Amino acid sequence: MHEFDEDVLECFLKNQLQLFPEKVAKTLEEAEEFLEECMAVVVNSVKEVVEYFEEEGIDVEGAMGDEILDADEVFDIGDGRYLIVEG
């Protein structure tokens, strides 16, 4: 089970519309439940974001770090970590 701290949950609540057409969570508790259900992950660097996509079999060749961070599934927590949510 992943640990989603308050920074992660607030980031997701604030930015969830970048991935979903309507809000899927309104509270921190709902956000945590949703992220656990969809197996979201928190990584510690851009490099780990790239590694995650490679492990998932997603072609990231040729994509620069910034392009990967622009993916709808990637949420910048703001402290150097990133939340990846598979829509």
PDB file of N, CA and C in Angstrom:
ATOM      1  N   MET A   1       0.839  -1.190   0.000  1.00  0.00           N
ATOM      2  CA  MET A   1       0.000   0.000   0.000  1.00  0.00           C
ATOM      3  C   MET A   1       0.879   1.247   0.000  1.00  0.00           C
ATOM      4  N   HIS A   2       0.497   2.212  -0.779  1.00  0.00           N
ATOM      5  CA  HIS A   2       1.283   3.442  -0.873  1.00  0.00           C
ATOM      6  C   HIS A   2       0.861   4.413   0.217  1.00  0.00           C
ATOM      7  N   GLU A   3       1.808   5.161   0.693  1.00  0.00           N
ATOM      8  CA  GLU A   3       1.503   6.206   1.655  1.00  0.00           C
ATOM      9  C   GLU A   3       1.368   7.516   0.906  1.00  0.00           C
ATOM     10  N   PHE A   4       0.214   8.107   0.966  1.00  0.00           N
ATOM     11  CA  PHE A   4      -0.018   9.397   0.332  1.00  0.00           C
ATOM     12  C   PHE A   4      -0.123  10.435   1.435  1.00  0.00           C
ATOM     13  N   ASP A   5       0.872  11.327   1.520  1.00  0.00           N
ATOM     14  CA  ASP A   5       0.829  12.346   2.562  1.00  0.00           C
ATOM     15  C   ASP A   5      -0.073  13.495   2.124  1.00  0.00           C
ATOM     16  N   GLU A   6      -0.247  14.457   3.012  1.00  0.00           N
ATOM     17  CA  GLU A   6      -1.176  15.545   2.750  1.00  0.00           C
ATOM     18  C   GLU A   6      -0.789  16.350   1.503  1.00  0.00           C
ATOM     19  N   ASP A   7       0.509  16.559   1.280  1.00  0.00           N
ATOM     20  CA  ASP A   7       0.946  17.304   0.094  1.00  0.00           C
ATOM     21  C   ASP A   7       0.500  16.600  -1.180  1.00  0.00           C
ATOM     22  N   VAL A   8       0.653  15.286  -1.214  1.00  0.00           N
ATOM     23  CA  VAL A   8       0.260  14.499  -2.389  1.00  0.00           C
ATOM     24  C   VAL A   8      -1.254  14.600  -2.601  1.00  0.00           C
ATOM     25  N   LEU A   9      -2.012  14.412  -1.528  1.00  0.00           N
ATOM     26  CA  LEU A   9      -3.469  14.433  -1.634  1.00  0.00           C
ATOM     27  C   LEU A   9      -3.981  15.805  -2.061  1.00  0.00           C
ATOM     28  N   GLU A  10      -3.411  16.863  -1.492  1.00  0.00           N
ATOM     29  CA  GLU A  10      -3.843  18.210  -1.868  1.00  0.00           C
ATOM     30  C   GLU A  10      -3.488  18.517  -3.318  1.00  0.00           C
ATOM     31  N   CYS A  11      -2.328  18.071  -3.762  1.00  0.00           N
ATOM     32  CA  CYS A  11      -1.928  18.264  -5.157  1.00  0.00           C
ATOM     33  C   CYS A  11      -2.933  17.576  -6.085  1.00  0.00           C
ATOM     34  N   PHE A  12      -3.304  16.355  -5.741  1.00  0.00           N
ATOM     35  CA  PHE A  12      -4.258  15.626  -6.583  1.00  0.00           C
ATOM     36  C   PHE A  12      -5.622  16.320  -6.578  1.00  0.00           C
ATOM     37  N   LEU A  13      -6.103  16.700  -5.406  1.00  0.00           N
ATOM     38  CA  LEU A  13      -7.402  17.368  -5.333  1.00  0.00           C
ATOM     39  C   LEU A  13      -7.420  18.633  -6.178  1.00  0.00           C
ATOM     40  N   LYS A  14      -6.349  19.403  -6.101  1.00  0.00           N
ATOM     41  CA  LYS A  14      -6.282  20.685  -6.796  1.00  0.00           C
ATOM     42  C   LYS A  14      -6.179  20.503  -8.312  1.00  0.00           C
ATOM     43  N   ASN A  15      -5.522  19.432  -8.755  1.00  0.00           N
ATOM     44  CA  ASN A  15      -5.197  19.278 -10.182  1.00  0.00           C
ATOM     45  C   ASN A  15      -5.887  18.112 -10.879  1.00  0.00           C
ATOM     46  N   GLN A  16      -6.824  17.448 -10.216  1.00  0.00           N
ATOM     47  CA  GLN A  16      -7.412  16.228 -10.778  1.00  0.00           C
ATOM     48  C   GLN A  16      -8.087  16.442 -12.130  1.00  0.00           C
ATOM     49  N   LEU A  17      -8.537  17.655 -12.409  1.00  0.00           N
ATOM     50  CA  LEU A  17      -9.225  17.896 -13.686  1.00  0.00           C
ATOM     51  C   LEU A  17      -8.282  17.861 -14.881  1.00  0.00           C
ATOM     52  N   GLN A  18      -6.966  17.831 -14.639  1.00  0.00           N
ATOM     53  CA  GLN A  18      -6.043  17.690 -15.776  1.00  0.00           C
ATOM     54  C   GLN A  18      -6.134  16.275 -16.357  1.00  0.00           C
ATOM     55  N   LEU A  19      -6.623  15.332 -15.565  1.00  0.00           N
ATOM     56  CA  LEU A  19      -6.694  13.939 -16.015  1.00  0.00           C
ATOM     57  C   LEU A  19      -8.132  13.469 -16.221  1.00  0.00           C
ATOM     58  N   PHE A  20      -9.050  14.002 -15.440  1.00  0.00           N
ATOM     59  CA  PHE A  20     -10.427  13.524 -15.475  1.00  0.00           C
ATOM     60  C   PHE A  20     -11.371  14.652 -15.891  1.00  0.00           C
ATOM     61  N   PRO A  21     -12.457  14.321 -16.612  1.00  0.00           N
ATOM     62  CA  PRO A  21     -13.377  15.357 -17.073  1.00  0.00           C
ATOM     63  C   PRO A  21     -14.172  15.995 -15.936  1.00  0.00           C
ATOM     64  N   GLU A  22     -14.321  15.283 -14.833  1.00  0.00           N
ATOM     65  CA  GLU A  22     -14.990  15.858 -13.670  1.00  0.00           C
ATOM     66  C   GLU A  22     -14.273  15.374 -12.418  1.00  0.00           C
ATOM     67  N   LYS A  23     -14.510  16.054 -11.321  1.00  0.00           N
ATOM     68  CA  LYS A  23     -13.800  15.710 -10.085  1.00  0.00           C
ATOM     69  C   LYS A  23     -14.163  14.302  -9.619  1.00  0.00           C
ATOM     70  N   VAL A  24     -13.149  13.556  -9.216  1.00  0.00           N
ATOM     71  CA  VAL A  24     -13.366  12.200  -8.705  1.00  0.00           C
ATOM     72  C   VAL A  24     -13.260  12.173  -7.191  1.00  0.00           C
ATOM     73  N   ALA A  25     -12.804  13.264  -6.591  1.00  0.00           N
ATOM     74  CA  ALA A  25     -12.667  13.342  -5.140  1.00  0.00           C
ATOM     75  C   ALA A  25     -12.878  14.775  -4.687  1.00  0.00           C
ATOM     76  N   LYS A  26     -13.518  14.917  -3.520  1.00  0.00           N
ATOM     77  CA  LYS A  26     -13.768  16.254  -2.976  1.00  0.00           C
ATOM     78  C   LYS A  26     -13.039  16.475  -1.647  1.00  0.00           C
ATOM     79  N   THR A  27     -12.638  15.396  -0.993  1.00  0.00           N
ATOM     80  CA  THR A  27     -11.966  15.506   0.305  1.00  0.00           C
ATOM     81  C   THR A  27     -10.638  14.766   0.251  1.00  0.00           C
ATOM     82  N   LEU A  28      -9.782  15.018   1.238  1.00  0.00           N
ATOM     83  CA  LEU A  28      -8.512  14.297   1.306  1.00  0.00           C
ATOM     84  C   LEU A  28      -8.751  12.799   1.425  1.00  0.00           C
ATOM     85  N   GLU A  29      -9.774  12.408   2.196  1.00  0.00           N
ATOM     86  CA  GLU A  29     -10.069  10.984   2.369  1.00  0.00           C
ATOM     87  C   GLU A  29     -10.483  10.352   1.039  1.00  0.00           C
ATOM     88  N   GLU A  30     -11.353  11.037   0.301  1.00  0.00           N
ATOM     89  CA  GLU A  30     -11.777  10.510  -1.000  1.00  0.00           C
ATOM     90  C   GLU A  30     -10.598  10.424  -1.953  1.00  0.00           C
ATOM     91  N   ALA A  31      -9.727  11.438  -1.916  1.00  0.00           N
ATOM     92  CA  ALA A  31      -8.553  11.427  -2.785  1.00  0.00           C
ATOM     93  C   ALA A  31      -7.670  10.227  -2.455  1.00  0.00           C
ATOM     94  N   GLU A  32      -7.456   9.978  -1.167  1.00  0.00           N
ATOM     95  CA  GLU A  32      -6.606   8.855  -0.772  1.00  0.00           C
ATOM     96  C   GLU A  32      -7.209   7.528  -1.227  1.00  0.00           C
ATOM     97  N   GLU A  33      -8.514   7.360  -1.012  1.00  0.00           N
ATOM     98  CA  GLU A  33      -9.182   6.126  -1.444  1.00  0.00           C
ATOM     99  C   GLU A  33      -9.055   5.942  -2.954  1.00  0.00           C
ATOM    100  N   PHE A  34      -9.281   7.017  -3.695  1.00  0.00           N
ATOM    101  CA  PHE A  34      -9.213   6.929  -5.151  1.00  0.00           C
ATOM    102  C   PHE A  34      -7.807   6.549  -5.606  1.00  0.00           C
ATOM    103  N   LEU A  35      -6.787   7.214  -5.043  1.00  0.00           N
ATOM    104  CA  LEU A  35      -5.410   6.948  -5.451  1.00  0.00           C
ATOM    105  C   LEU A  35      -5.002   5.519  -5.112  1.00  0.00           C
ATOM    106  N   GLU A  36      -5.462   5.016  -3.973  1.00  0.00           N
ATOM    107  CA  GLU A  36      -5.158   3.628  -3.615  1.00  0.00           C
ATOM    108  C   GLU A  36      -5.830   2.663  -4.583  1.00  0.00           C
ATOM    109  N   GLU A  37      -7.082   2.941  -4.935  1.00  0.00           N
ATOM    110  CA  GLU A  37      -7.819   2.065  -5.852  1.00  0.00           C
ATOM    111  C   GLU A  37      -7.166   1.989  -7.222  1.00  0.00           C
ATOM    112  N   CYS A  38      -6.658   3.113  -7.710  1.00  0.00           N
ATOM    113  CA  CYS A  38      -6.101   3.091  -9.065  1.00  0.00           C
ATOM    114  C   CYS A  38      -4.586   2.881  -9.060  1.00  0.00           C
ATOM    115  N   MET A  39      -4.050   2.456  -7.921  1.00  0.00           N
ATOM    116  CA  MET A  39      -2.635   2.073  -7.826  1.00  0.00           C
ATOM    117  C   MET A  39      -1.697   3.216  -8.221  1.00  0.00           C
ATOM    118  N   ALA A  40      -2.031   4.420  -7.809  1.00  0.00           N
ATOM    119  CA  ALA A  40      -1.171   5.566  -8.091  1.00  0.00           C
ATOM    120  C   ALA A  40       0.156   5.386  -7.359  1.00  0.00           C
ATOM    121  N   VAL A  41       1.194   6.004  -7.889  1.00  0.00           N
ATOM    122  CA  VAL A  41       2.515   5.913  -7.254  1.00  0.00           C
ATOM    123  C   VAL A  41       3.113   7.305  -7.105  1.00  0.00           C
ATOM    124  N   VAL A  42       3.948   7.425  -6.080  1.00  0.00           N
ATOM    125  CA  VAL A  42       4.700   8.656  -5.866  1.00  0.00           C
ATOM    126  C   VAL A  42       6.168   8.337  -6.124  1.00  0.00           C
ATOM    127  N   VAL A  43       6.799   9.126  -6.973  1.00  0.00           N
ATOM    128  CA  VAL A  43       8.225   8.940  -7.260  1.00  0.00           C
ATOM    129  C   VAL A  43       8.974  10.206  -6.871  1.00  0.00           C
ATOM    130  N   ASN A  44      10.289  10.071  -6.726  1.00  0.00           N
ATOM    131  CA  ASN A  44      11.091  11.134  -6.139  1.00  0.00           C
ATOM    132  C   ASN A  44      11.850  12.001  -7.129  1.00  0.00           C
ATOM    133  N   SER A  45      11.723  11.738  -8.433  1.00  0.00           N
ATOM    134  CA  SER A  45      12.479  12.530  -9.402  1.00  0.00           C
ATOM    135  C   SER A  45      11.913  12.336 -10.802  1.00  0.00           C
ATOM    136  N   VAL A  46      12.330  13.230 -11.703  1.00  0.00           N
ATOM    137  CA  VAL A  46      11.950  13.093 -13.113  1.00  0.00           C
ATOM    138  C   VAL A  46      12.465  11.764 -13.648  1.00  0.00           C
ATOM    139  N   LYS A  47      13.681  11.394 -13.245  1.00  0.00           N
ATOM    140  CA  LYS A  47      14.261  10.127 -13.701  1.00  0.00           C
ATOM    141  C   LYS A  47      13.361   8.949 -13.321  1.00  0.00           C
ATOM    142  N   GLU A  48      12.809   8.984 -12.104  1.00  0.00           N
ATOM    143  CA  GLU A  48      11.923   7.897 -11.675  1.00  0.00           C
ATOM    144  C   GLU A  48      10.603   7.914 -12.439  1.00  0.00           C
ATOM    145  N   VAL A  49      10.140   9.099 -12.859  1.00  0.00           N
ATOM    146  CA  VAL A  49       8.945   9.172 -13.706  1.00  0.00           C
ATOM    147  C   VAL A  49       9.218   8.433 -15.016  1.00  0.00           C
ATOM    148  N   VAL A  50      10.365   8.724 -15.632  1.00  0.00           N
ATOM    149  CA  VAL A  50      10.754   8.071 -16.890  1.00  0.00           C
ATOM    150  C   VAL A  50      10.854   6.562 -16.683  1.00  0.00           C
ATOM    151  N   GLU A  51      11.517   6.133 -15.600  1.00  0.00           N
ATOM    152  CA  GLU A  51      11.662   4.701 -15.321  1.00  0.00           C
ATOM    153  C   GLU A  51      10.304   4.033 -15.150  1.00  0.00           C
ATOM    154  N   TYR A  52       9.376   4.715 -14.480  1.00  0.00           N
ATOM    155  CA  TYR A  52       8.039   4.153 -14.284  1.00  0.00           C
ATOM    156  C   TYR A  52       7.368   3.897 -15.635  1.00  0.00           C
ATOM    157  N   PHE A  53       7.390   4.909 -16.516  1.00  0.00           N
ATOM    158  CA  PHE A  53       6.751   4.741 -17.822  1.00  0.00           C
ATOM    159  C   PHE A  53       7.426   3.635 -18.629  1.00  0.00           C
ATOM    160  N   GLU A  54       8.748   3.538 -18.544  1.00  0.00           N
ATOM    161  CA  GLU A  54       9.458   2.470 -19.259  1.00  0.00           C
ATOM    162  C   GLU A  54       9.038   1.103 -18.734  1.00  0.00           C
ATOM    163  N   GLU A  55       8.935   0.973 -17.391  1.00  0.00           N
ATOM    164  CA  GLU A  55       8.523  -0.306 -16.807  1.00  0.00           C
ATOM    165  C   GLU A  55       7.107  -0.675 -17.211  1.00  0.00           C
ATOM    166  N   GLU A  56       6.261   0.340 -17.417  1.00  0.00           N
ATOM    167  CA  GLU A  56       4.879   0.088 -17.821  1.00  0.00           C
ATOM    168  C   GLU A  56       4.772  -0.191 -19.320  1.00  0.00           C
ATOM    169  N   GLY A  57       5.901  -0.114 -20.027  1.00  0.00           N
ATOM    170  CA  GLY A  57       5.893  -0.393 -21.449  1.00  0.00           C
ATOM    171  C   GLY A  57       5.434   0.775 -22.298  1.00  0.00           C
ATOM    172  N   ILE A  58       5.439   1.973 -21.711  1.00  0.00           N
ATOM    173  CA  ILE A  58       5.032   3.166 -22.447  1.00  0.00           C
ATOM    174  C   ILE A  58       6.271   3.747 -23.120  1.00  0.00           C
ATOM    175  N   ASP A  59       6.173   4.008 -24.390  1.00  0.00           N
ATOM    176  CA  ASP A  59       7.316   4.504 -25.155  1.00  0.00           C
ATOM    177  C   ASP A  59       7.629   5.941 -24.763  1.00  0.00           C
ATOM    178  N   VAL A  60       8.771   6.132 -24.125  1.00  0.00           N
ATOM    179  CA  VAL A  60       9.178   7.480 -23.721  1.00  0.00           C
ATOM    180  C   VAL A  60      10.419   7.917 -24.479  1.00  0.00           C
ATOM    181  N   GLU A  61      10.863   7.087 -25.402  1.00  0.00           N
ATOM    182  CA  GLU A  61      12.066   7.422 -26.166  1.00  0.00           C
ATOM    183  C   GLU A  61      11.846   8.710 -26.942  1.00  0.00           C
ATOM    184  N   GLY A  62      12.786   9.609 -26.832  1.00  0.00           N
ATOM    185  CA  GLY A  62      12.678  10.873 -27.525  1.00  0.00           C
ATOM    186  C   GLY A  62      11.935  11.929 -26.742  1.00  0.00           C
ATOM    187  N   ALA A  63      11.230  11.539 -25.705  1.00  0.00           N
ATOM    188  CA  ALA A  63      10.521  12.522 -24.887  1.00  0.00           C
ATOM    189  C   ALA A  63      11.495  13.107 -23.877  1.00  0.00           C
ATOM    190  N   MET A  64      11.552  14.391 -23.825  1.00  0.00           N
ATOM    191  CA  MET A  64      12.416  15.053 -22.851  1.00  0.00           C
ATOM    192  C   MET A  64      11.711  15.055 -21.498  1.00  0.00           C
ATOM    193  N   GLY A  65      12.465  15.308 -20.465  1.00  0.00           N
ATOM    194  CA  GLY A  65      11.895  15.322 -19.121  1.00  0.00           C
ATOM    195  C   GLY A  65      10.648  16.170 -19.012  1.00  0.00           C
ATOM    196  N   ASP A  66      10.706  17.374 -19.579  1.00  0.00           N
ATOM    197  CA  ASP A  66       9.561  18.272 -19.471  1.00  0.00           C
ATOM    198  C   ASP A  66       8.333  17.721 -20.188  1.00  0.00           C
ATOM    199  N   GLU A  67       8.555  17.049 -21.329  1.00  0.00           N
ATOM    200  CA  GLU A  67       7.419  16.491 -22.063  1.00  0.00           C
ATOM    201  C   GLU A  67       6.740  15.397 -21.249  1.00  0.00           C
ATOM    202  N   ILE A  68       7.545  14.595 -20.579  1.00  0.00           N
ATOM    203  CA  ILE A  68       6.973  13.532 -19.742  1.00  0.00           C
ATOM    204  C   ILE A  68       6.187  14.145 -18.595  1.00  0.00           C
ATOM    205  N   LEU A  69       6.696  15.230 -18.042  1.00  0.00           N
ATOM    206  CA  LEU A  69       6.000  15.881 -16.933  1.00  0.00           C
ATOM    207  C   LEU A  69       4.711  16.550 -17.377  1.00  0.00           C
ATOM    208  N   ASP A  70       4.575  16.797 -18.692  1.00  0.00           N
ATOM    209  CA  ASP A  70       3.342  17.384 -19.219  1.00  0.00           C
ATOM    210  C   ASP A  70       2.251  16.339 -19.417  1.00  0.00           C
ATOM    211  N   ALA A  71       2.581  15.066 -19.272  1.00  0.00           N
ATOM    212  CA  ALA A  71       1.574  14.012 -19.425  1.00  0.00           C
ATOM    213  C   ALA A  71       0.467  14.223 -18.397  1.00  0.00           C
ATOM    214  N   ASP A  72      -0.776  13.990 -18.816  1.00  0.00           N
ATOM    215  CA  ASP A  72      -1.913  14.205 -17.919  1.00  0.00           C
ATOM    216  C   ASP A  72      -1.826  13.364 -16.653  1.00  0.00           C
ATOM    217  N   GLU A  73      -1.155  12.211 -16.735  1.00  0.00           N
ATOM    218  CA  GLU A  73      -1.078  11.297 -15.586  1.00  0.00           C
ATOM    219  C   GLU A  73      -0.072  11.743 -14.533  1.00  0.00           C
ATOM    220  N   VAL A  74       0.762  12.728 -14.858  1.00  0.00           N
ATOM    221  CA  VAL A  74       1.846  13.132 -13.963  1.00  0.00           C
ATOM    222  C   VAL A  74       1.477  14.438 -13.266  1.00  0.00           C
ATOM    223  N   PHE A  75       1.510  14.384 -11.932  1.00  0.00           N
ATOM    224  CA  PHE A  75       1.182  15.547 -11.112  1.00  0.00           C
ATOM    225  C   PHE A  75       2.445  15.972 -10.365  1.00  0.00           C
ATOM    226  N   ASP A  76       2.842  17.222 -10.526  1.00  0.00           N
ATOM    227  CA  ASP A  76       4.010  17.762  -9.829  1.00  0.00           C
ATOM    228  C   ASP A  76       3.590  18.179  -8.427  1.00  0.00           C
ATOM    229  N   ILE A  77       4.094  17.466  -7.425  1.00  0.00           N
ATOM    230  CA  ILE A  77       3.701  17.742  -6.050  1.00  0.00           C
ATOM    231  C   ILE A  77       4.289  19.073  -5.579  1.00  0.00           C
ATOM    232  N   GLY A  78       5.412  19.466  -6.166  1.00  0.00           N
ATOM    233  CA  GLY A  78       5.978  20.763  -5.849  1.00  0.00           C
ATOM    234  C   GLY A  78       7.185  20.700  -4.931  1.00  0.00           C
ATOM    235  N   ASP A  79       7.516  19.498  -4.475  1.00  0.00           N
ATOM    236  CA  ASP A  79       8.669  19.351  -3.573  1.00  0.00           C
ATOM    237  C   ASP A  79       9.721  18.428  -4.173  1.00  0.00           C
ATOM    238  N   GLY A  80       9.657  18.270  -5.501  1.00  0.00           N
ATOM    239  CA  GLY A  80      10.599  17.378  -6.172  1.00  0.00           C
ATOM    240  C   GLY A  80      10.018  16.005  -6.435  1.00  0.00           C
ATOM    241  N   ARG A  81       8.874  15.706  -5.831  1.00  0.00           N
ATOM    242  CA  ARG A  81       8.221  14.413  -6.050  1.00  0.00           C
ATOM    243  C   ARG A  81       7.105  14.570  -7.079  1.00  0.00           C
ATOM    244  N   TYR A  82       6.734  13.431  -7.653  1.00  0.00           N
ATOM    245  CA  TYR A  82       5.682  13.422  -8.654  1.00  0.00           C
ATOM    246  C   TYR A  82       4.707  12.299  -8.340  1.00  0.00           C
ATOM    247  N   LEU A  83       3.426  12.574  -8.545  1.00  0.00           N
ATOM    248  CA  LEU A  83       2.376  11.581  -8.401  1.00  0.00           C
ATOM    249  C   LEU A  83       2.011  11.114  -9.810  1.00  0.00           C
ATOM    250  N   ILE A  84       1.974   9.794 -10.010  1.00  0.00           N
ATOM    251  CA  ILE A  84       1.572   9.238 -11.303  1.00  0.00           C
ATOM    252  C   ILE A  84       0.263   8.490 -11.098  1.00  0.00           C
ATOM    253  N   VAL A  85      -0.761   8.896 -11.839  1.00  0.00           N
ATOM    254  CA  VAL A  85      -2.084   8.304 -11.718  1.00  0.00           C
ATOM    255  C   VAL A  85      -2.467   7.729 -13.062  1.00  0.00           C
ATOM    256  N   GLU A  86      -2.725   6.429 -13.100  1.00  0.00           N
ATOM    257  CA  GLU A  86      -3.177   5.806 -14.345  1.00  0.00           C
ATOM    258  C   GLU A  86      -4.668   6.069 -14.473  1.00  0.00           C
ATOM    259  N   GLY A  87      -5.043   6.871 -15.460  1.00  0.00           N
ATOM    260  CA  GLY A  87      -6.467   7.205 -15.645  1.00  0.00           C
ATOM    261  C   GLY A  87      -7.173   5.987 -16.100  1.00  0.00           C
TER     262      GLY A  87
END
